[in-house]
PDB file of N, CA and C in Angstrom:
ATOM      1  N   UNK A   1     119.620 116.059 104.002  1.00  0.00           N
ATOM      2  CA  UNK A   1     118.391 116.056 104.876  1.00  0.00           C
ATOM      3  C   UNK A   1     117.217 117.419 103.683  1.00  0.00           C
ATOM      4  N   UNK A   2     116.807 116.070 102.613  1.00  0.00           N
ATOM      5  CA  UNK A   2     116.490 116.345 101.234  1.00  0.00           C
ATOM      6  C   UNK A   2     114.777 117.090 101.381  1.00  0.00           C
ATOM      7  N   UNK A   3     114.605 116.408 101.945  1.00  0.00           N
ATOM      8  CA  UNK A   3     112.599 116.149 101.853  1.00  0.00           C
ATOM      9  C   UNK A   3     111.981 117.296 102.441  1.00  0.00           C
ATOM     10  N   UNK A   4     111.076 116.758 102.812  1.00  0.00           N
ATOM     11  CA  UNK A   4     110.198 117.954 103.537  1.00  0.00           C
ATOM     12  C   UNK A   4     110.426 117.970 104.888  1.00  0.00           C
ATOM     13  N   UNK A   5     111.354 118.036 105.706  1.00  0.00           N
ATOM     14  CA  UNK A   5     112.103 118.656 106.789  1.00  0.00           C
ATOM     15  C   UNK A   5     113.696 119.013 106.635  1.00  0.00           C
ATOM     16  N   UNK A   6     113.791 119.391 105.275  1.00  0.00           N
ATOM     17  CA  UNK A   6     115.246 119.149 104.954  1.00  0.00           C
ATOM     18  C   UNK A   6     115.492 120.726 104.561  1.00  0.00           C
ATOM     19  N   UNK A   7     115.840 120.712 102.678  1.00  0.00           N
ATOM     20  CA  UNK A   7     115.737 121.418 101.752  1.00  0.00           C
ATOM     21  C   UNK A   7     115.243 121.014 100.695  1.00  0.00           C
ATOM     22  N   UNK A   8     114.191 119.631 100.773  1.00  0.00           N
ATOM     23  CA  UNK A   8     113.604 119.586  99.403  1.00  0.00           C
ATOM     24  C   UNK A   8     112.194 120.541  99.310  1.00  0.00           C
ATOM     25  N   UNK A   9     111.678 121.624  99.961  1.00  0.00           N
ATOM     26  CA  UNK A   9     110.885 122.493  99.498  1.00  0.00           C
ATOM     27  C   UNK A   9     111.841 123.983  98.785  1.00  0.00           C
ATOM     28  N   UNK A  10     113.043 123.865  98.932  1.00  0.00           N
ATOM     29  CA  UNK A  10     113.682 125.057  98.466  1.00  0.00           C
ATOM     30  C   UNK A  10     113.537 124.800  96.642  1.00  0.00           C
ATOM     31  N   UNK A  11     113.379 125.853  96.281  1.00  0.00           N
ATOM     32  CA  UNK A  11     113.757 125.778  94.744  1.00  0.00           C
ATOM     33  C   UNK A  11     115.146 125.542  94.398  1.00  0.00           C
ATOM     34  N   UNK A  12     115.406 125.469  93.156  1.00  0.00           N
ATOM     35  CA  UNK A  12     116.772 125.474  92.405  1.00  0.00           C
ATOM     36  C   UNK A  12     117.818 126.793  92.777  1.00  0.00           C
ATOM     37  N   UNK A  13     116.914 128.068  92.663  1.00  0.00           N
ATOM     38  CA  UNK A  13     117.272 129.202  93.130  1.00  0.00           C
ATOM     39  C   UNK A  13     117.808 129.019  94.498  1.00  0.00           C
ATOM     40  N   UNK A  14     117.229 128.608  95.147  1.00  0.00           N
ATOM     41  CA  UNK A  14     117.661 128.850  96.648  1.00  0.00           C
ATOM     42  C   UNK A  14     118.740 128.070  96.950  1.00  0.00           C
ATOM     43  N   UNK A  15     118.637 126.562  96.941  1.00  0.00           N
ATOM     44  CA  UNK A  15     119.676 126.148  96.784  1.00  0.00           C
ATOM     45  C   UNK A  15     120.841 126.426  96.451  1.00  0.00           C
ATOM     46  N   UNK A  16     120.643 126.931  95.079  1.00  0.00           N
ATOM     47  CA  UNK A  16     121.963 127.242  94.153  1.00  0.00           C
ATOM     48  C   UNK A  16     122.943 128.590  94.917  1.00  0.00           C
ATOM     49  N   UNK A  17     122.306 128.989  95.852  1.00  0.00           N
ATOM     50  CA  UNK A  17     122.118 131.162  96.875  1.00  0.00           C
ATOM     51  C   UNK A  17     122.433 130.237  97.773  1.00  0.00           C
ATOM     52  N   UNK A  18     121.609 129.504  98.880  1.00  0.00           N
ATOM     53  CA  UNK A  18     123.158 128.544  99.570  1.00  0.00           C
ATOM     54  C   UNK A  18     123.778 127.826  99.141  1.00  0.00           C
ATOM     55  N   UNK A  19     124.132 127.186  98.104  1.00  0.00           N
ATOM     56  CA  UNK A  19     125.114 126.997  98.519  1.00  0.00           C
ATOM     57  C   UNK A  19     126.620 128.035  97.700  1.00  0.00           C
ATOM     58  N   UNK A  20     125.847 129.210  97.122  1.00  0.00           N
ATOM     59  CA  UNK A  20     126.896 129.711  96.666  1.00  0.00           C
ATOM     60  C   UNK A  20     127.266 130.983  97.959  1.00  0.00           C
ATOM     61  N   UNK A  21     125.961 131.339  98.604  1.00  0.00           N
ATOM     62  CA  UNK A  21     125.971 132.501  99.580  1.00  0.00           C
ATOM     63  C   UNK A  21     125.787 132.065 100.811  1.00  0.00           C
ATOM     64  N   UNK A  22     125.714 130.754 101.021  1.00  0.00           N
ATOM     65  CA  UNK A  22     125.583 130.536 102.638  1.00  0.00           C
ATOM     66  C   UNK A  22     124.170 130.929 103.156  1.00  0.00           C
ATOM     67  N   UNK A  23     123.053 131.154 102.345  1.00  0.00           N
ATOM     68  CA  UNK A  23     122.075 131.862 103.019  1.00  0.00           C
ATOM     69  C   UNK A  23     120.691 130.731 102.639  1.00  0.00           C
ATOM     70  N   UNK A  24     119.689 130.887 103.472  1.00  0.00           N
ATOM     71  CA  UNK A  24     118.433 130.257 103.148  1.00  0.00           C
ATOM     72  C   UNK A  24     117.516 131.024 102.801  1.00  0.00           C
ATOM     73  N   UNK A  25     116.567 130.809 102.032  1.00  0.00           N
ATOM     74  CA  UNK A  25     115.442 131.078 101.917  1.00  0.00           C
ATOM     75  C   UNK A  25     115.111 132.479 102.557  1.00  0.00           C
ATOM     76  N   UNK A  26     114.932 132.341 103.802  1.00  0.00           N
ATOM     77  CA  UNK A  26     114.190 133.336 104.838  1.00  0.00           C
ATOM     78  C   UNK A  26     115.399 133.809 105.358  1.00  0.00           C
ATOM     79  N   UNK A  27     116.484 134.238 104.077  1.00  0.00           N
ATOM     80  CA  UNK A  27     117.811 135.484 104.671  1.00  0.00           C
ATOM     81  C   UNK A  27     118.450 135.316 105.675  1.00  0.00           C
ATOM     82  N   UNK A  28     118.118 133.946 106.308  1.00  0.00           N
ATOM     83  CA  UNK A  28     119.125 133.532 107.626  1.00  0.00           C
ATOM     84  C   UNK A  28     120.292 133.480 107.156  1.00  0.00           C
ATOM     85  N   UNK A  29     120.899 133.471 107.516  1.00  0.00           N
ATOM     86  CA  UNK A  29     122.739 132.595 107.882  1.00  0.00           C
ATOM     87  C   UNK A  29     122.679 131.101 107.814  1.00  0.00           C
ATOM     88  N   UNK A  30     122.777 130.393 106.825  1.00  0.00           N
ATOM     89  CA  UNK A  30     123.463 128.753 107.236  1.00  0.00           C
ATOM     90  C   UNK A  30     124.311 128.374 107.808  1.00  0.00           C
ATOM     91  N   UNK A  31     125.480 128.892 107.867  1.00  0.00           N
ATOM     92  CA  UNK A  31     126.718 129.220 108.956  1.00  0.00           C
ATOM     93  C   UNK A  31     127.129 127.908 108.552  1.00  0.00           C
ATOM     94  N   UNK A  32     128.434 128.094 109.162  1.00  0.00           N
ATOM     95  CA  UNK A  32     129.834 126.995 108.535  1.00  0.00           C
ATOM     96  C   UNK A  32     128.972 125.823 108.732  1.00  0.00           C
ATOM     97  N   UNK A  33     129.083 124.711 107.263  1.00  0.00           N
ATOM     98  CA  UNK A  33     130.311 125.200 106.576  1.00  0.00           C
ATOM     99  C   UNK A  33     130.128 125.937 105.301  1.00  0.00           C
ATOM    100  N   UNK A  34     128.786 126.547 105.709  1.00  0.00           N
ATOM    101  CA  UNK A  34     128.704 127.393 104.261  1.00  0.00           C
ATOM    102  C   UNK A  34     128.701 128.406 104.633  1.00  0.00           C
ATOM    103  N   UNK A  35     128.768 129.366 103.621  1.00  0.00           N
ATOM    104  CA  UNK A  35     129.792 129.305 102.471  1.00  0.00           C
ATOM    105  C   UNK A  35     130.409 128.747 102.277  1.00  0.00           C
ATOM    106  N   UNK A  36     131.226 127.869 101.665  1.00  0.00           N
ATOM    107  CA  UNK A  36     132.562 127.889 101.314  1.00  0.00           C
ATOM    108  C   UNK A  36     132.937 128.459 100.554  1.00  0.00           C
ATOM    109  N   UNK A  37     134.645 129.185  99.977  1.00  0.00           N
ATOM    110  CA  UNK A  37     134.666 131.011  99.421  1.00  0.00           C
ATOM    111  C   UNK A  37     134.761 129.767  97.938  1.00  0.00           C
ATOM    112  N   UNK A  38     135.308 129.157  97.898  1.00  0.00           N
ATOM    113  CA  UNK A  38     135.322 128.188  96.630  1.00  0.00           C
ATOM    114  C   UNK A  38     134.381 128.052  95.809  1.00  0.00           C
ATOM    115  N   UNK A  39     133.123 127.597  96.900  1.00  0.00           N
ATOM    116  CA  UNK A  39     131.632 127.732  95.468  1.00  0.00           C
ATOM    117  C   UNK A  39     131.239 128.892  95.185  1.00  0.00           C
ATOM    118  N   UNK A  40     131.866 130.211  95.523  1.00  0.00           N
ATOM    119  CA  UNK A  40     131.041 131.589  94.950  1.00  0.00           C
ATOM    120  C   UNK A  40     131.484 131.664  93.408  1.00  0.00           C
ATOM    121  N   UNK A  41     132.253 131.175  92.938  1.00  0.00           N
ATOM    122  CA  UNK A  41     132.221 131.543  91.749  1.00  0.00           C
ATOM    123  C   UNK A  41     131.887 130.436  90.821  1.00  0.00           C
ATOM    124  N   UNK A  42     131.538 129.150  91.145  1.00  0.00           N
ATOM    125  CA  UNK A  42     131.054 128.231  90.428  1.00  0.00           C
ATOM    126  C   UNK A  42     129.721 128.687  89.149  1.00  0.00           C
ATOM    127  N   UNK A  43     130.042 127.749  87.930  1.00  0.00           N
ATOM    128  CA  UNK A  43     129.048 127.805  87.243  1.00  0.00           C
ATOM    129  C   UNK A  43     128.133 127.403  86.987  1.00  0.00           C
ATOM    130  N   UNK A  44     126.407 128.188  86.871  1.00  0.00           N
ATOM    131  CA  UNK A  44     125.672 127.965  87.200  1.00  0.00           C
ATOM    132  C   UNK A  44     125.473 126.191  86.714  1.00  0.00           C
ATOM    133  N   UNK A  45     126.069 125.785  85.813  1.00  0.00           N
ATOM    134  CA  UNK A  45     126.020 124.604  85.490  1.00  0.00           C
ATOM    135  C   UNK A  45     126.706 123.070  86.302  1.00  0.00           C
ATOM    136  N   UNK A  46     127.661 123.891  86.673  1.00  0.00           N
ATOM    137  CA  UNK A  46     128.154 123.192  88.224  1.00  0.00           C
ATOM    138  C   UNK A  46     127.262 123.194  88.940  1.00  0.00           C
ATOM    139  N   UNK A  47     126.587 124.696  89.888  1.00  0.00           N
ATOM    140  CA  UNK A  47     125.696 124.039  90.745  1.00  0.00           C
ATOM    141  C   UNK A  47     124.365 123.561  90.387  1.00  0.00           C
ATOM    142  N   UNK A  48     124.143 123.788  89.491  1.00  0.00           N
ATOM    143  CA  UNK A  48     122.469 122.368  89.055  1.00  0.00           C
ATOM    144  C   UNK A  48     123.031 121.684  89.140  1.00  0.00           C
ATOM    145  N   UNK A  49     124.613 121.319  89.215  1.00  0.00           N
ATOM    146  CA  UNK A  49     124.307 119.519  88.863  1.00  0.00           C
ATOM    147  C   UNK A  49     124.584 119.285  90.483  1.00  0.00           C
ATOM    148  N   UNK A  50     125.407 119.683  91.445  1.00  0.00           N
ATOM    149  CA  UNK A  50     125.426 120.090  93.084  1.00  0.00           C
ATOM    150  C   UNK A  50     123.897 119.484  93.417  1.00  0.00           C
ATOM    151  N   UNK A  51     122.493 120.972  92.613  1.00  0.00           N
ATOM    152  CA  UNK A  51     121.240 120.460  93.614  1.00  0.00           C
ATOM    153  C   UNK A  51     120.924 119.395  92.783  1.00  0.00           C
ATOM    154  N   UNK A  52     121.129 118.768  91.504  1.00  0.00           N
ATOM    155  CA  UNK A  52     120.514 117.292  90.931  1.00  0.00           C
ATOM    156  C   UNK A  52     120.639 116.640  92.028  1.00  0.00           C
ATOM    157  N   UNK A  53     122.296 116.466  92.167  1.00  0.00           N
ATOM    158  CA  UNK A  53     122.314 115.794  92.864  1.00  0.00           C
ATOM    159  C   UNK A  53     121.884 115.373  93.985  1.00  0.00           C
ATOM    160  N   UNK A  54     121.591 116.473  94.596  1.00  0.00           N
ATOM    161  CA  UNK A  54     121.314 116.685  96.513  1.00  0.00           C
ATOM    162  C   UNK A  54     119.866 115.858  96.323  1.00  0.00           C
ATOM    163  N   UNK A  55     119.195 116.957  95.180  1.00  0.00           N
ATOM    164  CA  UNK A  55     117.623 115.728  94.958  1.00  0.00           C
ATOM    165  C   UNK A  55     117.637 114.748  95.254  1.00  0.00           C
ATOM    166  N   UNK A  56     118.161 114.083  94.296  1.00  0.00           N
ATOM    167  CA  UNK A  56     118.471 112.910  93.707  1.00  0.00           C
ATOM    168  C   UNK A  56     118.724 111.808  95.601  1.00  0.00           C
ATOM    169  N   UNK A  57     118.817 112.108  96.184  1.00  0.00           N
ATOM    170  CA  UNK A  57     119.024 111.385  97.125  1.00  0.00           C
ATOM    171  C   UNK A  57     117.978 110.859  98.073  1.00  0.00           C
ATOM    172  N   UNK A  58     118.354 110.086  98.735  1.00  0.00           N
ATOM    173  CA  UNK A  58     116.900 109.394  99.323  1.00  0.00           C
ATOM    174  C   UNK A  58     116.361 110.318 100.736  1.00  0.00           C
ATOM    175  N   UNK A  59     114.932 110.365 100.532  1.00  0.00           N
ATOM    176  CA  UNK A  59     114.095 111.339 101.669  1.00  0.00           C
ATOM    177  C   UNK A  59     114.564 110.617 103.126  1.00  0.00           C
ATOM    178  N   UNK A  60     115.331 112.011 104.261  1.00  0.00           N
ATOM    179  CA  UNK A  60     115.248 111.711 105.361  1.00  0.00           C
ATOM    180  C   UNK A  60     114.400 112.351 106.176  1.00  0.00           C
ATOM    181  N   UNK A  61     113.022 111.847 107.017  1.00  0.00           N
ATOM    182  CA  UNK A  61     112.561 112.394 107.656  1.00  0.00           C
ATOM    183  C   UNK A  61     112.820 112.368 109.512  1.00  0.00           C
ATOM    184  N   UNK A  62     113.450 114.165 109.838  1.00  0.00           N
ATOM    185  CA  UNK A  62     113.776 113.623 111.286  1.00  0.00           C
ATOM    186  C   UNK A  62     113.873 115.664 111.716  1.00  0.00           C
ATOM    187  N   UNK A  63     113.842 115.678 112.745  1.00  0.00           N
ATOM    188  CA  UNK A  63     113.090 117.225 113.393  1.00  0.00           C
ATOM    189  C   UNK A  63     114.871 117.897 113.327  1.00  0.00           C
ATOM    190  N   UNK A  64     114.148 118.987 112.642  1.00  0.00           N
ATOM    191  CA  UNK A  64     115.890 119.918 112.801  1.00  0.00           C
ATOM    192  C   UNK A  64     115.365 120.811 113.326  1.00  0.00           C
ATOM    193  N   UNK A  65     116.354 121.304 114.464  1.00  0.00           N
ATOM    194  CA  UNK A  65     116.507 122.332 115.368  1.00  0.00           C
ATOM    195  C   UNK A  65     117.140 123.466 114.585  1.00  0.00           C
ATOM    196  N   UNK A  66     116.492 124.462 114.967  1.00  0.00           N
ATOM    197  CA  UNK A  66     116.973 126.025 114.527  1.00  0.00           C
ATOM    198  C   UNK A  66     118.681 126.174 115.121  1.00  0.00           C
ATOM    199  N   UNK A  67     119.150 126.165 114.173  1.00  0.00           N
ATOM    200  CA  UNK A  67     120.840 126.855 114.096  1.00  0.00           C
ATOM    201  C   UNK A  67     121.367 127.412 114.864  1.00  0.00           C
ATOM    202  N   UNK A  68     122.100 127.389 115.772  1.00  0.00           N
ATOM    203  CA  UNK A  68     122.439 128.285 117.006  1.00  0.00           C
ATOM    204  C   UNK A  68     123.901 127.808 116.767  1.00  0.00           C
ATOM    205  N   UNK A  69     124.327 129.102 116.586  1.00  0.00           N
ATOM    206  CA  UNK A  69     126.173 128.686 116.945  1.00  0.00           C
ATOM    207  C   UNK A  69     127.023 129.792 117.718  1.00  0.00           C
ATOM    208  N   UNK A  70     127.783 129.140 118.651  1.00  0.00           N
ATOM    209  CA  UNK A  70     128.179 128.980 119.993  1.00  0.00           C
ATOM    210  C   UNK A  70     129.619 129.896 120.117  1.00  0.00           C
ATOM    211  N   UNK A  71     130.244 130.054 118.413  1.00  0.00           N
ATOM    212  CA  UNK A  71     131.543 130.919 118.369  1.00  0.00           C
ATOM    213  C   UNK A  71     131.386 132.445 117.262  1.00  0.00           C
ATOM    214  N   UNK A  72     131.712 132.770 117.204  1.00  0.00           N
ATOM    215  CA  UNK A  72     131.683 134.148 116.385  1.00  0.00           C
ATOM    216  C   UNK A  72     132.393 133.298 114.708  1.00  0.00           C
ATOM    217  N   UNK A  73     131.832 134.270 114.201  1.00  0.00           N
ATOM    218  CA  UNK A  73     131.944 133.523 112.641  1.00  0.00           C
ATOM    219  C   UNK A  73     132.732 134.977 111.902  1.00  0.00           C
ATOM    220  N   UNK A  74     133.306 133.894 111.151  1.00  0.00           N
ATOM    221  CA  UNK A  74     134.042 135.357 110.595  1.00  0.00           C
ATOM    222  C   UNK A  74     133.561 136.305 109.103  1.00  0.00           C
ATOM    223  N   UNK A  75     134.492 137.469 109.471  1.00  0.00           N
ATOM    224  CA  UNK A  75     133.635 138.662 108.644  1.00  0.00           C
ATOM    225  C   UNK A  75     132.928 138.343 107.583  1.00  0.00           C
ATOM    226  N   UNK A  76     133.526 137.077 106.704  1.00  0.00           N
ATOM    227  CA  UNK A  76     133.482 137.030 105.150  1.00  0.00           C
ATOM    228  C   UNK A  76     132.056 136.889 105.300  1.00  0.00           C
ATOM    229  N   UNK A  77     131.239 136.273 106.231  1.00  0.00           N
ATOM    230  CA  UNK A  77     130.138 135.552 106.203  1.00  0.00           C
ATOM    231  C   UNK A  77     129.217 136.817 106.198  1.00  0.00           C
ATOM    232  N   UNK A  78     129.511 138.578 106.914  1.00  0.00           N
ATOM    233  CA  UNK A  78     129.144 139.828 106.473  1.00  0.00           C
ATOM    234  C   UNK A  78     128.280 139.307 107.773  1.00  0.00           C
ATOM    235  N   UNK A  79     127.672 140.669 107.985  1.00  0.00           N
ATOM    236  CA  UNK A  79     126.384 140.707 108.938  1.00  0.00           C
ATOM    237  C   UNK A  79     125.561 139.617 108.792  1.00  0.00           C
ATOM    238  N   UNK A  80     125.088 140.274 110.471  1.00  0.00           N
ATOM    239  CA  UNK A  80     124.065 139.051 110.704  1.00  0.00           C
ATOM    240  C   UNK A  80     122.558 139.595 110.542  1.00  0.00           C
ATOM    241  N   UNK A  81     122.154 138.429 110.316  1.00  0.00           N
ATOM    242  CA  UNK A  81     120.313 138.566 109.709  1.00  0.00           C
ATOM    243  C   UNK A  81     119.748 137.766 110.810  1.00  0.00           C
ATOM    244  N   UNK A  82     119.462 138.672 111.195  1.00  0.00           N
ATOM    245  CA  UNK A  82     118.127 138.505 112.631  1.00  0.00           C
ATOM    246  C   UNK A  82     116.816 138.330 112.228  1.00  0.00           C
ATOM    247  N   UNK A  83     115.817 137.427 112.229  1.00  0.00           N
ATOM    248  CA  UNK A  83     114.536 137.167 111.856  1.00  0.00           C
ATOM    249  C   UNK A  83     113.561 137.084 113.085  1.00  0.00           C
TER     250      UNK A  83
END
């Protein structure tokens, strides 16, 4: 979901942070499946390539509900960020 109802308004830096750290622009956690620990150390070039691919996808417009997780997240996700 890339355009106005998804990540389409995120900057390149925000998308790269989302991929690497699993954090949205508002500071909340994306939650599973992000972040994948293997993505934390990817190069800037590889992260930019992922962002370019995502933004090249056709737009999808739909309602995106707030994420709610009914499972305990692993410690590696860090402390909860509640806004």
